[in-house]
């Protein structure tokens, strides 16, 4: 089981599954939403994700009509995103995970949009846009 929370600890969650893939996205929306060079996310099964506390603190923002970016309204921590056309999948923000885990499948996506001041220095696969 994977456990995590927001920065203030008001929102806590459990994921009854494994982190099987890590995507590091460099698109401008993810950079702005995270306040960083990229966001590290993992697709997870929505049915296996459970809020333990803080449901009343959850808010969402839609930069585009079909995708909700979900965050804690108290501390601002981004928790996950969810697309309306893929309700069975959430994209968990891995910075909120507290459980130690290993994942061998990782890659960079939207590297064509990466910030000019950041260099990718590893040898993981890179995709100019969305991974197909």
N, C-alpha and C. Protein backbone atom coordinates (compact mmCIF):
# COMPACT_ATOMS: atom_id res chain seq x y z
N UNK A 1 0.84 -1.18 0.00
CA UNK A 1 0.00 0.00 0.00
C UNK A 1 0.90 1.25 0.00
N UNK A 2 0.48 2.24 -0.76
CA UNK A 2 1.17 3.52 -0.86
C UNK A 2 0.38 4.54 -0.03
N UNK A 3 1.08 5.29 0.82
CA UNK A 3 0.43 6.34 1.61
C UNK A 3 1.04 7.68 1.24
N UNK A 4 0.23 8.72 1.35
CA UNK A 4 0.73 10.05 1.07
C UNK A 4 -0.15 11.13 1.66
N UNK A 5 0.34 12.37 1.55
CA UNK A 5 -0.41 13.49 2.09
C UNK A 5 0.06 14.79 1.44
N UNK A 6 -0.70 15.84 1.71
CA UNK A 6 -0.32 17.17 1.28
C UNK A 6 0.70 17.74 2.27
N UNK A 7 1.20 18.94 2.01
CA UNK A 7 2.21 19.56 2.86
C UNK A 7 1.73 19.79 4.29
N UNK A 8 0.49 20.25 4.46
CA UNK A 8 -0.01 20.53 5.81
C UNK A 8 -0.51 19.27 6.52
N UNK A 9 -0.66 18.17 5.80
CA UNK A 9 -1.13 16.92 6.40
C UNK A 9 -2.64 16.84 6.52
N UNK A 10 -3.33 17.87 6.07
CA UNK A 10 -4.79 17.86 6.16
C UNK A 10 -5.44 16.85 5.24
N UNK A 11 -4.84 16.63 4.06
CA UNK A 11 -5.34 15.62 3.13
C UNK A 11 -4.39 14.43 3.20
N UNK A 12 -4.96 13.27 3.48
CA UNK A 12 -4.18 12.03 3.53
C UNK A 12 -4.87 11.02 2.63
N UNK A 13 -4.05 10.18 1.97
CA UNK A 13 -4.62 9.18 1.07
C UNK A 13 -3.86 7.87 1.17
N UNK A 14 -4.50 6.83 0.65
CA UNK A 14 -3.90 5.51 0.47
C UNK A 14 -4.15 5.07 -0.96
N UNK A 15 -3.18 4.38 -1.50
CA UNK A 15 -3.34 3.76 -2.82
C UNK A 15 -3.04 2.28 -2.66
N UNK A 16 -4.02 1.46 -2.92
CA UNK A 16 -3.87 0.02 -2.77
C UNK A 16 -3.40 -0.57 -4.09
N UNK A 17 -2.16 -0.30 -4.40
CA UNK A 17 -1.55 -0.75 -5.64
C UNK A 17 -0.08 -0.38 -5.63
N UNK A 18 0.55 -0.52 -6.77
CA UNK A 18 1.97 -0.22 -6.93
C UNK A 18 2.16 0.98 -7.84
N UNK A 19 3.25 1.68 -7.68
CA UNK A 19 3.67 2.70 -8.62
C UNK A 19 4.42 1.95 -9.72
N UNK A 20 3.82 1.87 -10.90
CA UNK A 20 4.38 1.05 -11.98
C UNK A 20 5.04 1.87 -13.07
N UNK A 21 4.86 3.20 -13.05
CA UNK A 21 5.39 4.05 -14.10
C UNK A 21 5.58 5.46 -13.56
N UNK A 22 6.68 6.09 -13.92
CA UNK A 22 6.93 7.48 -13.54
C UNK A 22 7.15 8.29 -14.80
N UNK A 23 6.33 9.30 -14.96
CA UNK A 23 6.45 10.23 -16.08
C UNK A 23 6.89 11.57 -15.52
N UNK A 24 7.94 12.13 -16.07
CA UNK A 24 8.37 13.47 -15.70
C UNK A 24 7.98 14.39 -16.85
N UNK A 25 6.99 15.24 -16.60
CA UNK A 25 6.41 16.08 -17.65
C UNK A 25 6.96 17.50 -17.56
N UNK A 26 7.37 18.03 -18.71
CA UNK A 26 7.98 19.35 -18.80
C UNK A 26 7.08 20.36 -19.50
N UNK A 27 5.82 20.04 -19.75
CA UNK A 27 4.93 20.99 -20.46
C UNK A 27 4.75 22.24 -19.60
N UNK A 28 4.40 23.35 -20.24
CA UNK A 28 4.30 24.62 -19.52
C UNK A 28 3.21 24.59 -18.45
N UNK A 29 2.11 23.88 -18.69
CA UNK A 29 1.06 23.81 -17.66
C UNK A 29 1.55 23.08 -16.42
N UNK A 30 2.24 21.96 -16.60
CA UNK A 30 2.76 21.22 -15.44
C UNK A 30 3.81 22.03 -14.70
N UNK A 31 4.68 22.72 -15.45
CA UNK A 31 5.70 23.55 -14.80
C UNK A 31 5.05 24.64 -13.95
N UNK A 32 4.03 25.28 -14.49
CA UNK A 32 3.35 26.34 -13.74
C UNK A 32 2.59 25.78 -12.55
N UNK A 33 1.93 24.65 -12.73
CA UNK A 33 1.15 24.05 -11.64
C UNK A 33 2.05 23.58 -10.50
N UNK A 34 3.27 23.16 -10.80
CA UNK A 34 4.18 22.67 -9.78
C UNK A 34 5.13 23.74 -9.27
N UNK A 35 5.35 24.79 -10.07
CA UNK A 35 6.33 25.79 -9.69
C UNK A 35 7.75 25.26 -9.80
N UNK A 36 7.96 24.36 -10.75
CA UNK A 36 9.26 23.69 -10.88
C UNK A 36 9.53 23.38 -12.35
N UNK A 37 10.67 22.77 -12.62
CA UNK A 37 11.06 22.45 -13.99
C UNK A 37 10.19 21.35 -14.60
N UNK A 38 9.63 20.50 -13.77
CA UNK A 38 8.80 19.39 -14.25
C UNK A 38 7.95 18.86 -13.11
N UNK A 39 7.03 17.97 -13.45
CA UNK A 39 6.25 17.26 -12.44
C UNK A 39 6.51 15.77 -12.63
N UNK A 40 6.64 15.05 -11.53
CA UNK A 40 6.76 13.59 -11.55
C UNK A 40 5.41 13.01 -11.16
N UNK A 41 4.82 12.24 -12.08
CA UNK A 41 3.49 11.67 -11.86
C UNK A 41 3.48 10.19 -12.20
N UNK A 42 2.47 9.52 -11.70
CA UNK A 42 2.26 8.12 -12.03
C UNK A 42 0.77 7.89 -12.27
N UNK A 43 0.44 7.20 -13.37
CA UNK A 43 -0.97 6.84 -13.55
C UNK A 43 -1.35 5.76 -12.54
N UNK A 44 -2.46 5.97 -11.87
CA UNK A 44 -2.95 4.99 -10.89
C UNK A 44 -4.41 4.69 -11.17
N UNK A 45 -4.85 3.54 -10.69
CA UNK A 45 -6.24 3.09 -10.82
C UNK A 45 -7.11 3.86 -9.82
N UNK A 46 -8.04 4.66 -10.32
CA UNK A 46 -8.90 5.48 -9.46
C UNK A 46 -9.64 4.66 -8.41
N UNK A 47 -10.05 3.45 -8.76
CA UNK A 47 -10.81 2.62 -7.83
C UNK A 47 -9.98 2.15 -6.65
N UNK A 48 -8.66 2.21 -6.76
CA UNK A 48 -7.78 1.76 -5.68
C UNK A 48 -7.22 2.91 -4.85
N UNK A 49 -7.64 4.14 -5.17
CA UNK A 49 -7.20 5.34 -4.48
C UNK A 49 -8.28 5.73 -3.47
N UNK A 50 -7.87 6.01 -2.23
CA UNK A 50 -8.85 6.33 -1.19
C UNK A 50 -8.36 7.51 -0.36
N UNK A 51 -9.22 8.54 -0.26
CA UNK A 51 -8.92 9.64 0.65
C UNK A 51 -9.19 9.16 2.07
N UNK A 52 -8.23 9.34 2.96
CA UNK A 52 -8.37 8.94 4.36
C UNK A 52 -8.89 10.10 5.19
N UNK A 53 -8.42 11.30 4.87
CA UNK A 53 -8.89 12.50 5.58
C UNK A 53 -8.72 13.71 4.68
N UNK A 54 -9.47 14.75 4.99
CA UNK A 54 -9.31 16.02 4.30
C UNK A 54 -10.13 16.21 3.05
N UNK A 55 -11.14 15.39 2.81
CA UNK A 55 -11.96 15.54 1.60
C UNK A 55 -12.53 16.95 1.50
N UNK A 56 -12.83 17.57 2.64
CA UNK A 56 -13.38 18.93 2.63
C UNK A 56 -12.35 19.98 2.21
N UNK A 57 -11.08 19.62 2.20
CA UNK A 57 -10.01 20.54 1.79
C UNK A 57 -9.70 20.46 0.30
N UNK A 58 -10.21 19.44 -0.37
CA UNK A 58 -9.91 19.20 -1.78
C UNK A 58 -10.60 20.25 -2.65
N UNK A 59 -9.82 20.84 -3.53
CA UNK A 59 -10.33 21.77 -4.55
C UNK A 59 -9.73 21.34 -5.88
N UNK A 60 -10.31 21.82 -6.96
CA UNK A 60 -9.75 21.52 -8.27
C UNK A 60 -9.71 22.77 -9.12
N UNK A 61 -8.78 22.76 -10.07
CA UNK A 61 -8.63 23.84 -11.03
C UNK A 61 -8.58 23.20 -12.41
N UNK A 62 -9.25 23.82 -13.37
CA UNK A 62 -9.25 23.32 -14.75
C UNK A 62 -8.65 24.37 -15.67
N UNK A 63 -7.40 24.16 -16.06
CA UNK A 63 -6.74 25.02 -17.03
C UNK A 63 -7.30 24.73 -18.42
N UNK A 64 -7.73 23.50 -18.61
CA UNK A 64 -8.42 23.08 -19.83
C UNK A 64 -9.71 22.40 -19.37
N UNK A 65 -10.78 22.47 -20.16
CA UNK A 65 -12.09 21.99 -19.70
C UNK A 65 -12.15 20.51 -19.29
N UNK A 66 -11.34 19.64 -19.88
CA UNK A 66 -11.48 18.20 -19.67
C UNK A 66 -10.55 17.62 -18.59
N UNK A 67 -9.75 18.47 -17.91
CA UNK A 67 -8.76 17.95 -16.96
C UNK A 67 -8.79 18.75 -15.66
N UNK A 68 -9.02 18.03 -14.55
CA UNK A 68 -9.01 18.65 -13.22
C UNK A 68 -7.65 18.45 -12.58
N UNK A 69 -7.09 19.52 -12.06
CA UNK A 69 -5.88 19.46 -11.24
C UNK A 69 -6.36 19.61 -9.80
N UNK A 70 -6.13 18.59 -9.00
CA UNK A 70 -6.70 18.51 -7.66
C UNK A 70 -5.62 18.84 -6.63
N UNK A 71 -5.98 19.70 -5.66
CA UNK A 71 -5.00 20.18 -4.69
C UNK A 71 -5.66 20.43 -3.34
N UNK A 72 -4.81 20.59 -2.31
CA UNK A 72 -5.30 20.94 -0.98
C UNK A 72 -5.53 22.44 -0.94
N UNK A 73 -6.73 22.86 -0.54
CA UNK A 73 -7.06 24.28 -0.50
C UNK A 73 -6.39 25.01 0.66
N UNK A 74 -5.87 24.28 1.62
CA UNK A 74 -5.21 24.91 2.76
C UNK A 74 -3.75 25.22 2.46
N UNK A 75 -2.99 24.23 1.98
CA UNK A 75 -1.55 24.44 1.76
C UNK A 75 -1.18 24.55 0.28
N UNK A 76 -2.09 24.21 -0.63
CA UNK A 76 -1.83 24.32 -2.05
C UNK A 76 -1.14 23.14 -2.69
N UNK A 77 -0.82 22.11 -1.93
CA UNK A 77 -0.13 20.95 -2.51
C UNK A 77 -0.94 20.29 -3.62
N UNK A 78 -0.35 20.14 -4.82
CA UNK A 78 -1.03 19.39 -5.87
C UNK A 78 -1.00 17.90 -5.53
N UNK A 79 -2.13 17.24 -5.67
CA UNK A 79 -2.25 15.83 -5.28
C UNK A 79 -2.34 14.90 -6.48
N UNK A 80 -3.21 15.22 -7.42
CA UNK A 80 -3.36 14.40 -8.62
C UNK A 80 -4.11 15.21 -9.67
N UNK A 81 -4.10 14.68 -10.87
CA UNK A 81 -4.96 15.23 -11.92
C UNK A 81 -5.84 14.09 -12.43
N UNK A 82 -6.95 14.47 -13.05
CA UNK A 82 -7.90 13.49 -13.56
C UNK A 82 -8.56 14.06 -14.81
N UNK A 83 -8.62 13.25 -15.84
CA UNK A 83 -9.27 13.65 -17.09
C UNK A 83 -10.69 13.10 -17.11
N UNK A 84 -11.62 13.90 -17.60
CA UNK A 84 -13.02 13.49 -17.67
C UNK A 84 -13.22 12.28 -18.57
N UNK A 85 -12.42 12.16 -19.63
CA UNK A 85 -12.58 11.06 -20.57
C UNK A 85 -11.85 9.79 -20.12
N UNK A 86 -11.13 9.83 -18.99
CA UNK A 86 -10.45 8.66 -18.43
C UNK A 86 -10.71 8.58 -16.92
N UNK A 87 -11.96 8.42 -16.51
CA UNK A 87 -12.27 8.46 -15.08
C UNK A 87 -11.64 7.33 -14.27
N UNK A 88 -11.21 6.28 -14.93
CA UNK A 88 -10.60 5.15 -14.22
C UNK A 88 -9.14 5.39 -13.85
N UNK A 89 -8.56 6.52 -14.30
CA UNK A 89 -7.15 6.80 -14.05
C UNK A 89 -6.99 8.17 -13.42
N UNK A 90 -6.15 8.24 -12.38
CA UNK A 90 -5.69 9.50 -11.82
C UNK A 90 -4.19 9.56 -12.08
N UNK A 91 -3.63 10.76 -12.14
CA UNK A 91 -2.19 10.92 -12.29
C UNK A 91 -1.67 11.51 -10.98
N UNK A 92 -1.18 10.61 -10.13
CA UNK A 92 -0.75 10.95 -8.78
C UNK A 92 0.54 11.76 -8.81
N UNK A 93 0.58 12.88 -8.08
CA UNK A 93 1.79 13.69 -7.93
C UNK A 93 2.70 12.98 -6.94
N UNK A 94 3.82 12.49 -7.42
CA UNK A 94 4.67 11.62 -6.62
C UNK A 94 5.39 12.33 -5.48
N UNK A 95 5.46 13.65 -5.53
CA UNK A 95 6.04 14.40 -4.41
C UNK A 95 5.23 14.29 -3.14
N UNK A 96 3.99 13.83 -3.24
CA UNK A 96 3.13 13.69 -2.06
C UNK A 96 3.20 12.30 -1.44
N UNK A 97 3.90 11.37 -2.09
CA UNK A 97 3.99 9.99 -1.60
C UNK A 97 4.96 9.92 -0.43
N UNK A 98 4.53 9.27 0.65
CA UNK A 98 5.37 9.09 1.84
C UNK A 98 5.98 7.70 1.93
N UNK A 99 5.40 6.75 1.25
CA UNK A 99 5.87 5.36 1.28
C UNK A 99 7.07 5.19 0.36
N UNK A 100 8.09 4.51 0.84
CA UNK A 100 9.25 4.21 -0.01
C UNK A 100 8.82 3.19 -1.06
N UNK A 101 9.18 3.43 -2.32
CA UNK A 101 8.84 2.50 -3.39
C UNK A 101 9.94 2.52 -4.43
N UNK A 102 9.96 1.50 -5.26
CA UNK A 102 10.88 1.40 -6.39
C UNK A 102 10.05 1.30 -7.66
N UNK A 103 10.55 1.90 -8.72
CA UNK A 103 9.89 1.82 -10.00
C UNK A 103 10.95 1.87 -11.09
N UNK A 104 10.98 0.88 -11.94
CA UNK A 104 11.98 0.79 -13.00
C UNK A 104 11.58 1.50 -14.28
N UNK A 105 10.28 1.73 -14.48
CA UNK A 105 9.80 2.33 -15.72
C UNK A 105 9.62 3.83 -15.52
N UNK A 106 10.55 4.61 -16.05
CA UNK A 106 10.49 6.06 -15.92
C UNK A 106 10.92 6.69 -17.24
N UNK A 107 10.36 7.86 -17.52
CA UNK A 107 10.69 8.55 -18.76
C UNK A 107 10.35 10.04 -18.64
N UNK A 108 10.87 10.82 -19.57
CA UNK A 108 10.61 12.26 -19.67
C UNK A 108 9.65 12.49 -20.83
N UNK A 109 8.67 13.38 -20.63
CA UNK A 109 7.72 13.68 -21.68
C UNK A 109 7.57 15.20 -21.85
N UNK A 110 7.16 15.61 -23.02
CA UNK A 110 7.06 17.02 -23.39
C UNK A 110 8.38 17.75 -23.20
N UNK A 111 9.48 17.07 -23.52
CA UNK A 111 10.79 17.72 -23.38
C UNK A 111 10.96 18.86 -24.37
N UNK A 112 10.16 18.90 -25.42
CA UNK A 112 10.19 20.01 -26.36
C UNK A 112 9.72 21.31 -25.72
N UNK A 113 9.05 21.22 -24.57
CA UNK A 113 8.54 22.40 -23.86
C UNK A 113 9.34 22.71 -22.60
N UNK A 114 10.43 22.00 -22.37
CA UNK A 114 11.13 22.16 -21.09
C UNK A 114 11.69 23.56 -20.93
N UNK A 115 11.87 23.96 -19.68
CA UNK A 115 12.44 25.26 -19.37
C UNK A 115 13.88 25.33 -19.87
N UNK A 116 14.25 26.46 -20.44
CA UNK A 116 15.59 26.62 -21.00
C UNK A 116 16.68 26.53 -19.94
N UNK A 117 16.36 26.80 -18.71
CA UNK A 117 17.35 26.82 -17.63
C UNK A 117 17.58 25.46 -16.98
N UNK A 118 16.86 24.43 -17.45
CA UNK A 118 16.99 23.10 -16.85
C UNK A 118 17.56 22.12 -17.86
N UNK A 119 18.56 21.34 -17.44
CA UNK A 119 19.15 20.30 -18.29
C UNK A 119 18.78 18.93 -17.76
N UNK A 120 18.35 18.05 -18.64
CA UNK A 120 18.08 16.66 -18.28
C UNK A 120 19.42 15.94 -18.40
N UNK A 121 19.87 15.32 -17.34
CA UNK A 121 21.22 14.73 -17.34
C UNK A 121 21.23 13.21 -17.23
N UNK A 122 20.07 12.58 -17.16
CA UNK A 122 20.05 11.12 -17.10
C UNK A 122 19.85 10.53 -18.50
N UNK A 123 19.77 9.24 -18.56
CA UNK A 123 19.63 8.55 -19.85
C UNK A 123 18.26 7.88 -20.01
N UNK A 124 17.27 8.35 -19.27
CA UNK A 124 15.92 7.80 -19.42
C UNK A 124 15.35 8.21 -20.77
N UNK A 125 14.40 7.44 -21.29
CA UNK A 125 13.78 7.80 -22.57
C UNK A 125 13.16 9.19 -22.51
N UNK A 126 13.23 9.89 -23.67
CA UNK A 126 12.69 11.24 -23.79
C UNK A 126 11.72 11.30 -24.96
N UNK A 127 10.62 12.00 -24.73
CA UNK A 127 9.60 12.17 -25.76
C UNK A 127 9.36 13.66 -25.94
N UNK A 128 9.35 14.14 -27.17
CA UNK A 128 9.15 15.56 -27.44
C UNK A 128 7.76 16.03 -27.03
N UNK A 129 6.78 15.18 -27.16
CA UNK A 129 5.41 15.49 -26.76
C UNK A 129 4.91 14.35 -25.88
N UNK A 130 3.63 14.04 -25.94
CA UNK A 130 3.09 12.96 -25.12
C UNK A 130 3.68 11.63 -25.54
N UNK A 131 3.92 10.77 -24.57
CA UNK A 131 4.38 9.42 -24.86
C UNK A 131 3.23 8.68 -25.53
N UNK A 132 3.52 8.04 -26.64
CA UNK A 132 2.50 7.32 -27.38
C UNK A 132 2.46 5.87 -26.95
